[in-house]
Amino acid sequence: MEKNSTTEEMKTLTSCVNKLVVDGFTENFNASEEGLVSATDQKTYGPTDVNITNFYRFEGASDPSDNSILYAIETNDGRKGTLVDAYGPYADANVDKFMKEVEAVTKKPVHNDAAKD
């Protein structure tokens, strides 16, 4: 089976973030009790102000603290950026709460295998 180059370059959190930055996802977001916060100017977005265009999960081979999830986010005012969180016991409660409230979530296939169905 031939491996897809996109799949190969998206295997680590760093390579995935780098690919998203190239694709225009340059904003860094954080979650607070008030909502999603831009690291650039502290503008806060509510759950209806964002669309999760994709997300990627990474699992550490031996350490549960290596489990993370990367969200690719677009805001209603045109910003594109990322938010990284742990998942499982190390997850940030603010991120978890916010993501549960976001209704616009799209998961795009990482490679062409989904087209074979």
N, C-alpha and C. Protein backbone atom coordinates (compact mmCIF):
# COMPACT_ATOMS: atom_id res chain seq x y z
N MET A 1 0.84 -1.18 0.00
CA MET A 1 0.00 0.00 0.00
C MET A 1 0.89 1.24 0.00
N GLU A 2 0.62 2.15 -0.91
CA GLU A 2 1.40 3.38 -1.02
C GLU A 2 0.94 4.37 0.04
N LYS A 3 1.88 4.97 0.73
CA LYS A 3 1.55 5.94 1.77
C LYS A 3 1.36 7.32 1.15
N ASN A 4 0.37 8.02 1.63
CA ASN A 4 0.08 9.37 1.18
C ASN A 4 1.03 10.33 1.86
N SER A 5 1.66 11.26 1.10
CA SER A 5 2.63 12.17 1.70
C SER A 5 1.99 13.09 2.73
N THR A 6 0.71 13.45 2.54
CA THR A 6 0.01 14.27 3.52
C THR A 6 -0.11 13.54 4.84
N THR A 7 -0.44 12.26 4.78
CA THR A 7 -0.54 11.45 5.98
C THR A 7 0.80 11.38 6.69
N GLU A 8 1.86 11.19 5.94
CA GLU A 8 3.20 11.08 6.53
C GLU A 8 3.61 12.38 7.22
N GLU A 9 3.30 13.53 6.62
CA GLU A 9 3.75 14.78 7.20
C GLU A 9 2.86 15.25 8.35
N MET A 10 1.77 14.57 8.62
CA MET A 10 0.84 14.98 9.67
C MET A 10 0.91 14.03 10.88
N LYS A 11 2.00 13.32 11.05
CA LYS A 11 2.10 12.33 12.12
C LYS A 11 2.47 12.92 13.48
N THR A 12 3.10 14.08 13.51
CA THR A 12 3.48 14.69 14.78
C THR A 12 2.73 16.00 14.97
N LEU A 13 2.60 16.40 16.21
CA LEU A 13 1.93 17.66 16.53
C LEU A 13 2.66 18.83 15.86
N THR A 14 3.96 18.84 15.93
CA THR A 14 4.74 19.94 15.35
C THR A 14 4.55 20.02 13.84
N SER A 15 4.63 18.89 13.15
CA SER A 15 4.47 18.92 11.70
C SER A 15 3.06 19.34 11.30
N CYS A 16 2.09 18.94 12.08
CA CYS A 16 0.71 19.30 11.81
C CYS A 16 0.49 20.81 12.02
N VAL A 17 1.01 21.36 13.10
CA VAL A 17 0.91 22.80 13.34
C VAL A 17 1.60 23.56 12.22
N ASN A 18 2.77 23.11 11.82
CA ASN A 18 3.50 23.78 10.74
C ASN A 18 2.70 23.78 9.44
N LYS A 19 2.06 22.66 9.12
CA LYS A 19 1.24 22.56 7.91
C LYS A 19 0.05 23.52 8.00
N LEU A 20 -0.59 23.60 9.16
CA LEU A 20 -1.72 24.51 9.33
C LEU A 20 -1.29 25.97 9.20
N VAL A 21 -0.11 26.32 9.71
CA VAL A 21 0.39 27.68 9.58
C VAL A 21 0.58 28.02 8.10
N VAL A 22 1.15 27.09 7.34
CA VAL A 22 1.30 27.29 5.90
C VAL A 22 -0.07 27.50 5.24
N ASP A 23 -1.09 26.83 5.75
CA ASP A 23 -2.45 26.94 5.21
C ASP A 23 -3.19 28.17 5.74
N GLY A 24 -2.50 29.02 6.50
CA GLY A 24 -3.10 30.28 6.96
C GLY A 24 -3.63 30.29 8.38
N PHE A 25 -3.46 29.21 9.12
CA PHE A 25 -3.92 29.13 10.51
C PHE A 25 -2.82 29.66 11.42
N THR A 26 -2.67 30.99 11.44
CA THR A 26 -1.53 31.61 12.12
C THR A 26 -1.84 32.13 13.52
N GLU A 27 -3.11 32.27 13.85
CA GLU A 27 -3.50 32.79 15.17
C GLU A 27 -3.34 31.68 16.22
N ASN A 28 -2.90 32.06 17.41
CA ASN A 28 -2.85 31.13 18.53
C ASN A 28 -4.02 31.45 19.45
N PHE A 29 -4.80 30.43 19.77
CA PHE A 29 -5.94 30.60 20.66
C PHE A 29 -5.71 29.87 21.97
N ASN A 30 -6.34 30.39 23.02
CA ASN A 30 -6.39 29.75 24.33
C ASN A 30 -7.85 29.74 24.77
N ALA A 31 -8.17 28.90 25.72
CA ALA A 31 -9.53 28.88 26.26
C ALA A 31 -9.51 29.42 27.68
N SER A 32 -10.54 30.20 27.99
CA SER A 32 -10.70 30.72 29.35
C SER A 32 -12.13 30.46 29.77
N GLU A 33 -12.48 30.86 30.96
CA GLU A 33 -13.86 30.71 31.42
C GLU A 33 -14.82 31.54 30.57
N GLU A 34 -14.31 32.61 29.95
CA GLU A 34 -15.15 33.49 29.14
C GLU A 34 -15.32 32.99 27.71
N GLY A 35 -14.41 32.13 27.22
CA GLY A 35 -14.50 31.61 25.86
C GLY A 35 -13.13 31.40 25.24
N LEU A 36 -13.10 31.43 23.92
CA LEU A 36 -11.87 31.26 23.17
C LEU A 36 -11.19 32.63 23.06
N VAL A 37 -9.90 32.69 23.39
CA VAL A 37 -9.20 33.97 23.46
C VAL A 37 -8.03 33.99 22.48
N SER A 38 -7.97 35.06 21.68
CA SER A 38 -6.85 35.28 20.78
C SER A 38 -5.62 35.67 21.58
N ALA A 39 -4.51 35.01 21.33
CA ALA A 39 -3.27 35.34 22.02
C ALA A 39 -2.70 36.68 21.54
N THR A 40 -3.10 37.10 20.34
CA THR A 40 -2.58 38.34 19.77
C THR A 40 -3.12 39.58 20.47
N ASP A 41 -4.45 39.65 20.62
CA ASP A 41 -5.04 40.88 21.17
C ASP A 41 -6.08 40.63 22.27
N GLN A 42 -6.15 39.40 22.74
CA GLN A 42 -7.04 39.01 23.84
C GLN A 42 -8.53 39.11 23.49
N LYS A 43 -8.86 39.19 22.20
CA LYS A 43 -10.27 39.20 21.79
C LYS A 43 -10.87 37.84 22.15
N THR A 44 -12.08 37.87 22.70
CA THR A 44 -12.73 36.64 23.15
C THR A 44 -13.88 36.28 22.22
N TYR A 45 -13.98 35.00 21.91
CA TYR A 45 -15.02 34.48 21.04
C TYR A 45 -15.87 33.47 21.81
N GLY A 46 -17.16 33.51 21.55
CA GLY A 46 -18.07 32.53 22.13
C GLY A 46 -18.17 31.31 21.22
N PRO A 47 -18.84 30.26 21.68
CA PRO A 47 -18.96 29.02 20.91
C PRO A 47 -19.65 29.21 19.55
N THR A 48 -20.55 30.17 19.43
CA THR A 48 -21.23 30.39 18.15
C THR A 48 -20.41 31.26 17.21
N ASP A 49 -19.28 31.78 17.67
CA ASP A 49 -18.42 32.64 16.86
C ASP A 49 -17.32 31.88 16.13
N VAL A 50 -17.25 30.56 16.34
CA VAL A 50 -16.15 29.79 15.75
C VAL A 50 -16.65 28.56 15.02
N ASN A 51 -15.81 28.12 14.09
CA ASN A 51 -16.01 26.86 13.39
C ASN A 51 -14.73 26.05 13.56
N ILE A 52 -14.86 24.86 14.08
CA ILE A 52 -13.72 23.94 14.16
C ILE A 52 -13.64 23.26 12.80
N THR A 53 -12.67 23.67 11.97
CA THR A 53 -12.60 23.14 10.62
C THR A 53 -11.95 21.78 10.54
N ASN A 54 -11.16 21.45 11.55
CA ASN A 54 -10.54 20.14 11.60
C ASN A 54 -9.92 19.94 12.98
N PHE A 55 -9.62 18.71 13.31
CA PHE A 55 -8.92 18.43 14.56
C PHE A 55 -8.10 17.17 14.38
N TYR A 56 -7.03 17.07 15.15
CA TYR A 56 -6.07 15.97 15.03
C TYR A 56 -5.72 15.50 16.43
N ARG A 57 -5.75 14.20 16.63
CA ARG A 57 -5.40 13.63 17.94
C ARG A 57 -4.05 12.93 17.83
N PHE A 58 -3.26 13.11 18.86
CA PHE A 58 -1.93 12.50 18.92
C PHE A 58 -1.82 11.73 20.22
N GLU A 59 -1.32 10.50 20.13
CA GLU A 59 -1.20 9.66 21.31
C GLU A 59 0.25 9.28 21.54
N GLY A 60 0.73 9.54 22.74
CA GLY A 60 2.08 9.14 23.10
C GLY A 60 2.15 7.64 23.27
N ALA A 61 3.23 7.05 22.85
CA ALA A 61 3.37 5.60 22.88
C ALA A 61 3.43 5.05 24.30
N SER A 62 4.04 5.79 25.22
CA SER A 62 4.21 5.24 26.56
C SER A 62 3.76 6.16 27.69
N ASP A 63 3.46 7.40 27.38
CA ASP A 63 3.15 8.35 28.44
C ASP A 63 1.81 9.04 28.16
N PRO A 64 0.80 8.83 29.01
CA PRO A 64 -0.50 9.46 28.80
C PRO A 64 -0.45 10.98 28.76
N SER A 65 0.59 11.58 29.34
CA SER A 65 0.69 13.04 29.29
C SER A 65 1.06 13.53 27.89
N ASP A 66 1.45 12.62 27.01
CA ASP A 66 1.76 12.97 25.62
C ASP A 66 0.52 13.01 24.74
N ASN A 67 -0.65 12.66 25.26
CA ASN A 67 -1.88 12.67 24.48
C ASN A 67 -2.33 14.11 24.29
N SER A 68 -2.51 14.51 23.03
CA SER A 68 -2.94 15.88 22.76
C SER A 68 -3.89 15.92 21.59
N ILE A 69 -4.59 17.04 21.48
CA ILE A 69 -5.49 17.28 20.37
C ILE A 69 -5.24 18.69 19.86
N LEU A 70 -5.21 18.82 18.55
CA LEU A 70 -4.97 20.09 17.89
C LEU A 70 -6.24 20.46 17.14
N TYR A 71 -6.77 21.63 17.40
CA TYR A 71 -7.96 22.13 16.72
C TYR A 71 -7.56 23.19 15.71
N ALA A 72 -8.07 23.10 14.49
CA ALA A 72 -7.94 24.15 13.48
C ALA A 72 -9.25 24.94 13.53
N ILE A 73 -9.14 26.24 13.77
CA ILE A 73 -10.31 27.07 14.08
C ILE A 73 -10.40 28.26 13.14
N GLU A 74 -11.63 28.55 12.69
CA GLU A 74 -11.92 29.77 11.95
C GLU A 74 -12.98 30.54 12.73
N THR A 75 -12.76 31.84 12.89
CA THR A 75 -13.71 32.67 13.63
C THR A 75 -14.65 33.38 12.66
N ASN A 76 -15.74 33.91 13.20
CA ASN A 76 -16.72 34.60 12.38
C ASN A 76 -16.20 35.91 11.79
N ASP A 77 -15.07 36.42 12.29
CA ASP A 77 -14.49 37.63 11.73
C ASP A 77 -13.26 37.34 10.85
N GLY A 78 -13.10 36.07 10.48
CA GLY A 78 -12.08 35.70 9.50
C GLY A 78 -10.73 35.27 10.02
N ARG A 79 -10.55 35.21 11.32
CA ARG A 79 -9.27 34.73 11.84
C ARG A 79 -9.19 33.21 11.72
N LYS A 80 -7.99 32.75 11.44
CA LYS A 80 -7.74 31.31 11.38
C LYS A 80 -6.57 31.00 12.30
N GLY A 81 -6.75 30.00 13.15
CA GLY A 81 -5.69 29.67 14.07
C GLY A 81 -5.85 28.30 14.67
N THR A 82 -5.05 28.04 15.68
CA THR A 82 -5.02 26.72 16.31
C THR A 82 -5.15 26.83 17.83
N LEU A 83 -5.60 25.73 18.39
CA LEU A 83 -5.67 25.56 19.84
C LEU A 83 -5.20 24.14 20.12
N VAL A 84 -4.26 24.00 21.03
CA VAL A 84 -3.74 22.69 21.41
C VAL A 84 -4.14 22.41 22.84
N ASP A 85 -4.58 21.17 23.08
CA ASP A 85 -4.95 20.76 24.43
C ASP A 85 -4.53 19.31 24.63
N ALA A 86 -4.36 18.95 25.87
CA ALA A 86 -4.19 17.54 26.22
C ALA A 86 -5.58 16.92 26.19
N TYR A 87 -5.65 15.62 26.13
CA TYR A 87 -6.94 14.99 26.35
C TYR A 87 -6.77 13.86 27.34
N GLY A 88 -7.88 13.44 27.90
CA GLY A 88 -7.83 12.47 28.97
C GLY A 88 -7.67 13.19 30.30
N PRO A 89 -6.95 12.60 31.23
CA PRO A 89 -6.87 13.18 32.57
C PRO A 89 -6.15 14.53 32.63
N TYR A 90 -5.39 14.87 31.58
CA TYR A 90 -4.63 16.12 31.60
C TYR A 90 -5.31 17.25 30.82
N ALA A 91 -6.53 17.01 30.36
CA ALA A 91 -7.24 18.00 29.54
C ALA A 91 -7.56 19.25 30.35
N ASP A 92 -7.56 20.38 29.67
CA ASP A 92 -7.92 21.67 30.27
C ASP A 92 -9.44 21.76 30.34
N ALA A 93 -9.99 21.96 31.50
CA ALA A 93 -11.44 22.01 31.68
C ALA A 93 -12.08 23.12 30.87
N ASN A 94 -11.39 24.25 30.70
CA ASN A 94 -11.94 25.35 29.90
C ASN A 94 -12.07 24.97 28.42
N VAL A 95 -11.06 24.28 27.90
CA VAL A 95 -11.11 23.83 26.50
C VAL A 95 -12.24 22.82 26.33
N ASP A 96 -12.32 21.87 27.23
CA ASP A 96 -13.36 20.84 27.15
C ASP A 96 -14.76 21.45 27.17
N LYS A 97 -14.99 22.36 28.09
CA LYS A 97 -16.30 23.03 28.20
C LYS A 97 -16.62 23.80 26.92
N PHE A 98 -15.65 24.57 26.42
CA PHE A 98 -15.88 25.37 25.23
C PHE A 98 -16.18 24.49 24.02
N MET A 99 -15.38 23.45 23.83
CA MET A 99 -15.56 22.59 22.65
C MET A 99 -16.90 21.86 22.68
N LYS A 100 -17.39 21.53 23.85
CA LYS A 100 -18.71 20.88 23.94
C LYS A 100 -19.83 21.83 23.52
N GLU A 101 -19.59 23.14 23.62
CA GLU A 101 -20.61 24.13 23.26
C GLU A 101 -20.54 24.55 21.80
N VAL A 102 -19.43 24.26 21.12
CA VAL A 102 -19.29 24.63 19.71
C VAL A 102 -20.13 23.68 18.86
N GLU A 103 -20.99 24.25 18.05
CA GLU A 103 -21.86 23.44 17.20
C GLU A 103 -21.27 23.22 15.82
N ALA A 104 -20.43 24.14 15.34
CA ALA A 104 -19.87 24.05 13.99
C ALA A 104 -18.54 23.31 14.05
N VAL A 105 -18.59 21.99 13.88
CA VAL A 105 -17.39 21.16 13.90
C VAL A 105 -17.38 20.33 12.62
N THR A 106 -16.28 20.43 11.89
CA THR A 106 -16.10 19.67 10.66
C THR A 106 -14.83 18.87 10.80
N LYS A 107 -14.88 17.61 10.46
CA LYS A 107 -13.67 16.78 10.46
C LYS A 107 -13.39 16.38 9.04
N LYS A 108 -12.32 16.92 8.47
CA LYS A 108 -11.95 16.61 7.10
C LYS A 108 -11.06 15.37 7.10
N PRO A 109 -11.19 14.51 6.09
CA PRO A 109 -10.29 13.37 6.02
C PRO A 109 -8.85 13.84 5.80
N VAL A 110 -7.91 13.19 6.45
CA VAL A 110 -6.51 13.56 6.34
C VAL A 110 -5.92 13.03 5.03
N HIS A 111 -6.44 11.92 4.54
CA HIS A 111 -5.93 11.33 3.31
C HIS A 111 -7.08 10.85 2.45
N ASN A 112 -6.76 10.29 1.32
CA ASN A 112 -7.77 9.94 0.32
C ASN A 112 -8.48 8.61 0.59
N ASP A 113 -8.17 7.91 1.66
CA ASP A 113 -8.82 6.64 1.94
C ASP A 113 -10.32 6.79 2.13
N ALA A 114 -10.78 7.93 2.62
CA ALA A 114 -12.21 8.15 2.85
C ALA A 114 -12.98 8.15 1.54
N ALA A 115 -12.33 8.48 0.44
CA ALA A 115 -13.00 8.53 -0.87
C ALA A 115 -13.28 7.14 -1.42
N LYS A 116 -12.69 6.09 -0.84
CA LYS A 116 -12.87 4.73 -1.34
C LYS A 116 -14.17 4.09 -0.91
N ASP A 117 -14.88 4.69 0.06
CA ASP A 117 -16.11 4.10 0.59
C ASP A 117 -17.20 4.02 -0.45
